[in-house]
Structure formats: structure tokens, C-alpha cells
Amino acid sequence: MSLVGPSLAVSAILFSIGVLGVLIRRNAIIIFMCVELMLNAVNLSFVALSLVHGLTGQVFVFFVMTVAAAEAAVGLAIILAIFRHHRSVDLQNINLLRG
């Protein structure tokens, strides 16, 4: 029994939820979490396709996880700095060019 089809379907659903969250939400932390959800959906599709095409997809997962960890560290630091300066993480109220 092949698990590639259902895994890719779940990956597509997770990626769609992430894109929807990025497009609809205004909170920087929620948007950040949706981007992480999209990266995890891509990881799931890499693992699912590695069942068919070999272990190359699992190697890419480690690279995506490394980028996600670096993005999490830098992204949370930026969000924390913005919160300390503006006392809000709502992107509607923040204009970084204003100073």
C-alpha cells in the first residue's frame, strides 16, 4: 500500500492553510507560524516523494530544517525588536519607514 498519495494530499492541505494564514492574518507571530507551517508541508512532500525516488528527498529535508531553524531565530528576534519599539506585533499598526 502506497502512502505517497495521502501524504501529498495532507502536504497540499497544510501548505494551503499556511498560505491562507499569511494572506489573511495581520499579526506578525501568526504569519511567522504560517510560514513555518508551509516549510513543514514542503518537508512532508519531500519525505513522501523520497519513498518513490530514493533518499535524496530526505537529504533536502535536513537543509529545509536548517533554513527553518535559522529563520525562526532571526524572525523571532526581529519580531521581538519590533514589539519592544512599537508595543504591538499587529502589522497594520507598524510602519517601519516612519522611524
N, C-alpha and C. Protein backbone atom coordinates (compact mmCIF):
# COMPACT_ATOMS: atom_id res chain seq x y z
N MET A 1 0.84 -1.19 0.00
CA MET A 1 0.00 0.00 0.00
C MET A 1 0.88 1.25 0.00
N SER A 2 0.66 2.11 -0.95
CA SER A 2 1.47 3.31 -1.09
C SER A 2 0.89 4.46 -0.27
N LEU A 3 1.75 5.12 0.47
CA LEU A 3 1.33 6.26 1.28
C LEU A 3 1.67 7.60 0.64
N VAL A 4 2.14 7.56 -0.60
CA VAL A 4 2.57 8.79 -1.26
C VAL A 4 1.38 9.70 -1.54
N GLY A 5 0.31 9.17 -2.08
CA GLY A 5 -0.87 9.98 -2.42
C GLY A 5 -1.48 10.70 -1.23
N PRO A 6 -1.83 9.97 -0.16
CA PRO A 6 -2.39 10.67 1.00
C PRO A 6 -1.41 11.64 1.66
N SER A 7 -0.13 11.32 1.65
CA SER A 7 0.86 12.22 2.23
C SER A 7 0.96 13.51 1.44
N LEU A 8 0.91 13.41 0.13
CA LEU A 8 0.94 14.61 -0.69
C LEU A 8 -0.34 15.43 -0.54
N ALA A 9 -1.46 14.75 -0.33
CA ALA A 9 -2.72 15.47 -0.11
C ALA A 9 -2.68 16.24 1.20
N VAL A 10 -2.18 15.61 2.25
CA VAL A 10 -2.05 16.29 3.54
C VAL A 10 -1.06 17.45 3.43
N SER A 11 0.02 17.23 2.69
CA SER A 11 1.01 18.30 2.48
C SER A 11 0.38 19.48 1.74
N ALA A 12 -0.41 19.21 0.74
CA ALA A 12 -1.08 20.29 0.00
C ALA A 12 -2.06 21.05 0.88
N ILE A 13 -2.78 20.33 1.72
CA ILE A 13 -3.73 20.98 2.63
C ILE A 13 -2.99 21.86 3.63
N LEU A 14 -1.90 21.35 4.21
CA LEU A 14 -1.13 22.13 5.17
C LEU A 14 -0.52 23.37 4.51
N PHE A 15 -0.01 23.21 3.31
CA PHE A 15 0.57 24.35 2.60
C PHE A 15 -0.51 25.39 2.28
N SER A 16 -1.69 24.94 1.90
CA SER A 16 -2.79 25.87 1.60
C SER A 16 -3.22 26.62 2.85
N ILE A 17 -3.27 25.94 3.98
CA ILE A 17 -3.61 26.61 5.25
C ILE A 17 -2.56 27.66 5.58
N GLY A 18 -1.29 27.33 5.35
CA GLY A 18 -0.23 28.29 5.60
C GLY A 18 -0.32 29.51 4.72
N VAL A 19 -0.57 29.31 3.43
CA VAL A 19 -0.71 30.45 2.50
C VAL A 19 -1.91 31.30 2.88
N LEU A 20 -3.01 30.65 3.23
CA LEU A 20 -4.21 31.38 3.64
C LEU A 20 -3.94 32.22 4.89
N GLY A 21 -3.20 31.63 5.84
CA GLY A 21 -2.87 32.37 7.06
C GLY A 21 -1.98 33.56 6.79
N VAL A 22 -1.01 33.42 5.89
CA VAL A 22 -0.13 34.54 5.55
C VAL A 22 -0.92 35.66 4.87
N LEU A 23 -1.85 35.30 4.01
CA LEU A 23 -2.60 36.31 3.27
C LEU A 23 -3.67 37.00 4.10
N ILE A 24 -4.24 36.31 5.08
CA ILE A 24 -5.38 36.86 5.81
C ILE A 24 -4.97 37.55 7.12
N ARG A 25 -4.06 36.96 7.85
CA ARG A 25 -3.74 37.45 9.21
C ARG A 25 -2.92 38.72 9.18
N ARG A 26 -3.02 39.51 10.24
CA ARG A 26 -2.27 40.75 10.38
C ARG A 26 -1.23 40.66 11.50
N ASN A 27 -1.31 39.66 12.35
CA ASN A 27 -0.39 39.50 13.47
C ASN A 27 0.91 38.89 12.96
N ALA A 28 2.04 39.50 13.31
CA ALA A 28 3.33 39.04 12.80
C ALA A 28 3.67 37.64 13.30
N ILE A 29 3.30 37.31 14.51
CA ILE A 29 3.61 35.99 15.06
C ILE A 29 2.79 34.92 14.35
N ILE A 30 1.54 35.19 14.07
CA ILE A 30 0.70 34.23 13.35
C ILE A 30 1.23 34.03 11.93
N ILE A 31 1.64 35.11 11.27
CA ILE A 31 2.20 34.99 9.93
C ILE A 31 3.48 34.16 9.97
N PHE A 32 4.29 34.39 10.97
CA PHE A 32 5.52 33.63 11.16
C PHE A 32 5.23 32.14 11.33
N MET A 33 4.20 31.82 12.11
CA MET A 33 3.82 30.42 12.31
C MET A 33 3.29 29.80 11.02
N CYS A 34 2.60 30.58 10.21
CA CYS A 34 2.08 30.07 8.93
C CYS A 34 3.21 29.79 7.95
N VAL A 35 4.25 30.61 7.97
CA VAL A 35 5.41 30.34 7.12
C VAL A 35 6.09 29.04 7.56
N GLU A 36 6.19 28.83 8.86
CA GLU A 36 6.76 27.59 9.38
C GLU A 36 5.88 26.39 8.98
N LEU A 37 4.58 26.57 8.97
CA LEU A 37 3.68 25.50 8.54
C LEU A 37 3.90 25.16 7.07
N MET A 38 4.12 26.17 6.25
CA MET A 38 4.40 25.92 4.83
C MET A 38 5.72 25.17 4.65
N LEU A 39 6.73 25.51 5.43
CA LEU A 39 8.01 24.80 5.35
C LEU A 39 7.85 23.34 5.78
N ASN A 40 7.04 23.10 6.80
CA ASN A 40 6.81 21.71 7.23
C ASN A 40 6.01 20.93 6.19
N ALA A 41 5.11 21.60 5.48
CA ALA A 41 4.37 20.93 4.41
C ALA A 41 5.31 20.52 3.29
N VAL A 42 6.26 21.37 2.97
CA VAL A 42 7.25 21.02 1.96
C VAL A 42 8.10 19.85 2.42
N ASN A 43 8.47 19.84 3.70
CA ASN A 43 9.23 18.71 4.24
C ASN A 43 8.44 17.41 4.11
N LEU A 44 7.15 17.46 4.39
CA LEU A 44 6.33 16.26 4.27
C LEU A 44 6.27 15.77 2.83
N SER A 45 6.18 16.69 1.89
CA SER A 45 6.15 16.26 0.49
C SER A 45 7.50 15.70 0.07
N PHE A 46 8.61 16.26 0.56
CA PHE A 46 9.93 15.70 0.27
C PHE A 46 10.05 14.27 0.79
N VAL A 47 9.59 14.04 2.01
CA VAL A 47 9.67 12.69 2.59
C VAL A 47 8.76 11.73 1.84
N ALA A 48 7.57 12.18 1.47
CA ALA A 48 6.65 11.31 0.73
C ALA A 48 7.22 10.94 -0.63
N LEU A 49 7.81 11.90 -1.31
CA LEU A 49 8.37 11.61 -2.63
C LEU A 49 9.68 10.83 -2.55
N SER A 50 10.35 10.88 -1.40
CA SER A 50 11.57 10.09 -1.26
C SER A 50 11.26 8.60 -1.19
N LEU A 51 10.02 8.25 -0.87
CA LEU A 51 9.63 6.83 -0.90
C LEU A 51 9.66 6.29 -2.32
N VAL A 52 9.44 7.17 -3.30
CA VAL A 52 9.40 6.77 -4.70
C VAL A 52 10.76 6.96 -5.38
N HIS A 53 11.41 8.10 -5.10
CA HIS A 53 12.59 8.48 -5.87
C HIS A 53 13.91 8.26 -5.14
N GLY A 54 13.90 7.69 -3.98
CA GLY A 54 15.15 7.46 -3.25
C GLY A 54 15.32 8.42 -2.09
N LEU A 55 16.47 8.37 -1.47
CA LEU A 55 16.71 9.12 -0.24
C LEU A 55 17.10 10.58 -0.46
N THR A 56 17.12 11.04 -1.68
CA THR A 56 17.50 12.42 -1.95
C THR A 56 16.54 13.41 -1.29
N GLY A 57 15.26 13.09 -1.27
CA GLY A 57 14.27 13.96 -0.64
C GLY A 57 14.50 14.11 0.85
N GLN A 58 14.95 13.05 1.50
CA GLN A 58 15.22 13.14 2.93
C GLN A 58 16.46 13.98 3.23
N VAL A 59 17.38 14.01 2.30
CA VAL A 59 18.55 14.88 2.45
C VAL A 59 18.12 16.34 2.35
N PHE A 60 17.21 16.64 1.43
CA PHE A 60 16.70 18.00 1.30
C PHE A 60 15.95 18.44 2.55
N VAL A 61 15.32 17.48 3.24
CA VAL A 61 14.59 17.82 4.47
C VAL A 61 15.54 18.41 5.50
N PHE A 62 16.75 17.88 5.61
CA PHE A 62 17.70 18.42 6.57
C PHE A 62 18.10 19.85 6.21
N PHE A 63 18.23 20.15 4.92
CA PHE A 63 18.55 21.51 4.51
C PHE A 63 17.39 22.45 4.81
N VAL A 64 16.16 22.01 4.55
CA VAL A 64 14.99 22.85 4.83
C VAL A 64 14.84 23.06 6.33
N MET A 65 15.11 22.04 7.13
CA MET A 65 15.04 22.19 8.58
C MET A 65 16.10 23.16 9.10
N THR A 66 17.27 23.15 8.48
CA THR A 66 18.32 24.09 8.87
C THR A 66 17.92 25.52 8.55
N VAL A 67 17.37 25.72 7.36
CA VAL A 67 16.90 27.06 6.99
C VAL A 67 15.75 27.49 7.89
N ALA A 68 14.86 26.57 8.24
CA ALA A 68 13.72 26.91 9.11
C ALA A 68 14.20 27.29 10.50
N ALA A 69 15.21 26.60 11.01
CA ALA A 69 15.73 26.94 12.33
C ALA A 69 16.39 28.31 12.33
N ALA A 70 17.16 28.60 11.29
CA ALA A 70 17.79 29.92 11.19
C ALA A 70 16.74 31.01 11.02
N GLU A 71 15.72 30.72 10.22
CA GLU A 71 14.64 31.68 10.01
C GLU A 71 13.86 31.91 11.30
N ALA A 72 13.69 30.88 12.09
CA ALA A 72 12.98 31.02 13.37
C ALA A 72 13.76 31.90 14.32
N ALA A 73 15.06 31.70 14.40
CA ALA A 73 15.87 32.51 15.30
C ALA A 73 15.90 33.97 14.88
N VAL A 74 16.15 34.22 13.61
CA VAL A 74 16.23 35.60 13.13
C VAL A 74 14.85 36.25 13.13
N GLY A 75 13.84 35.51 12.69
CA GLY A 75 12.48 36.06 12.64
C GLY A 75 11.94 36.42 14.01
N LEU A 76 12.14 35.56 14.99
CA LEU A 76 11.67 35.88 16.34
C LEU A 76 12.44 37.04 16.95
N ALA A 77 13.72 37.15 16.64
CA ALA A 77 14.49 38.30 17.13
C ALA A 77 13.97 39.60 16.52
N ILE A 78 13.65 39.58 15.24
CA ILE A 78 13.11 40.78 14.59
C ILE A 78 11.74 41.13 15.16
N ILE A 79 10.89 40.13 15.34
CA ILE A 79 9.56 40.38 15.91
C ILE A 79 9.66 40.92 17.32
N LEU A 80 10.59 40.40 18.11
CA LEU A 80 10.79 40.88 19.47
C LEU A 80 11.29 42.33 19.47
N ALA A 81 12.19 42.67 18.57
CA ALA A 81 12.68 44.05 18.48
C ALA A 81 11.56 45.00 18.06
N ILE A 82 10.74 44.57 17.12
CA ILE A 82 9.61 45.41 16.69
C ILE A 82 8.62 45.59 17.83
N PHE A 83 8.37 44.53 18.59
CA PHE A 83 7.44 44.65 19.72
C PHE A 83 7.98 45.59 20.78
N ARG A 84 9.27 45.53 21.06
CA ARG A 84 9.85 46.42 22.07
C ARG A 84 9.78 47.88 21.63
N HIS A 85 9.86 48.12 20.34
CA HIS A 85 9.84 49.50 19.85
C HIS A 85 8.42 50.04 19.70
N HIS A 86 7.50 49.22 19.19
CA HIS A 86 6.15 49.69 18.87
C HIS A 86 5.09 49.23 19.85
N ARG A 87 5.41 48.30 20.74
CA ARG A 87 4.46 47.72 21.70
C ARG A 87 3.28 47.02 21.03
N SER A 88 3.52 46.53 19.82
CA SER A 88 2.49 45.80 19.08
C SER A 88 3.16 44.93 18.02
N VAL A 89 2.54 43.80 17.72
CA VAL A 89 3.02 42.97 16.61
C VAL A 89 1.98 42.93 15.50
N ASP A 90 1.00 43.81 15.57
CA ASP A 90 -0.01 43.91 14.52
C ASP A 90 0.60 44.68 13.36
N LEU A 91 0.69 44.05 12.20
CA LEU A 91 1.35 44.66 11.06
C LEU A 91 0.58 45.84 10.49
N GLN A 92 -0.68 45.95 10.82
CA GLN A 92 -1.49 47.08 10.36
C GLN A 92 -1.02 48.38 11.01
N ASN A 93 -0.54 48.29 12.25
CA ASN A 93 -0.18 49.49 13.01
C ASN A 93 1.30 49.85 12.91
N ILE A 94 2.08 49.06 12.22
CA ILE A 94 3.53 49.26 12.19
C ILE A 94 3.94 49.81 10.83
N ASN A 95 4.65 50.93 10.86
CA ASN A 95 5.25 51.49 9.66
C ASN A 95 6.73 51.67 9.95
N LEU A 96 7.54 50.76 9.46
CA LEU A 96 8.97 50.78 9.78
C LEU A 96 9.71 51.91 9.09
N LEU A 97 9.16 52.46 8.02
CA LEU A 97 9.85 53.53 7.31
C LEU A 97 9.67 54.89 7.99
N ARG A 98 8.71 54.98 8.88
CA ARG A 98 8.42 56.23 9.53
C ARG A 98 9.50 56.59 10.54
N GLY A 99 10.05 55.57 11.23
CA GLY A 99 11.13 55.81 12.20
C GLY A 99 10.61 56.14 13.48
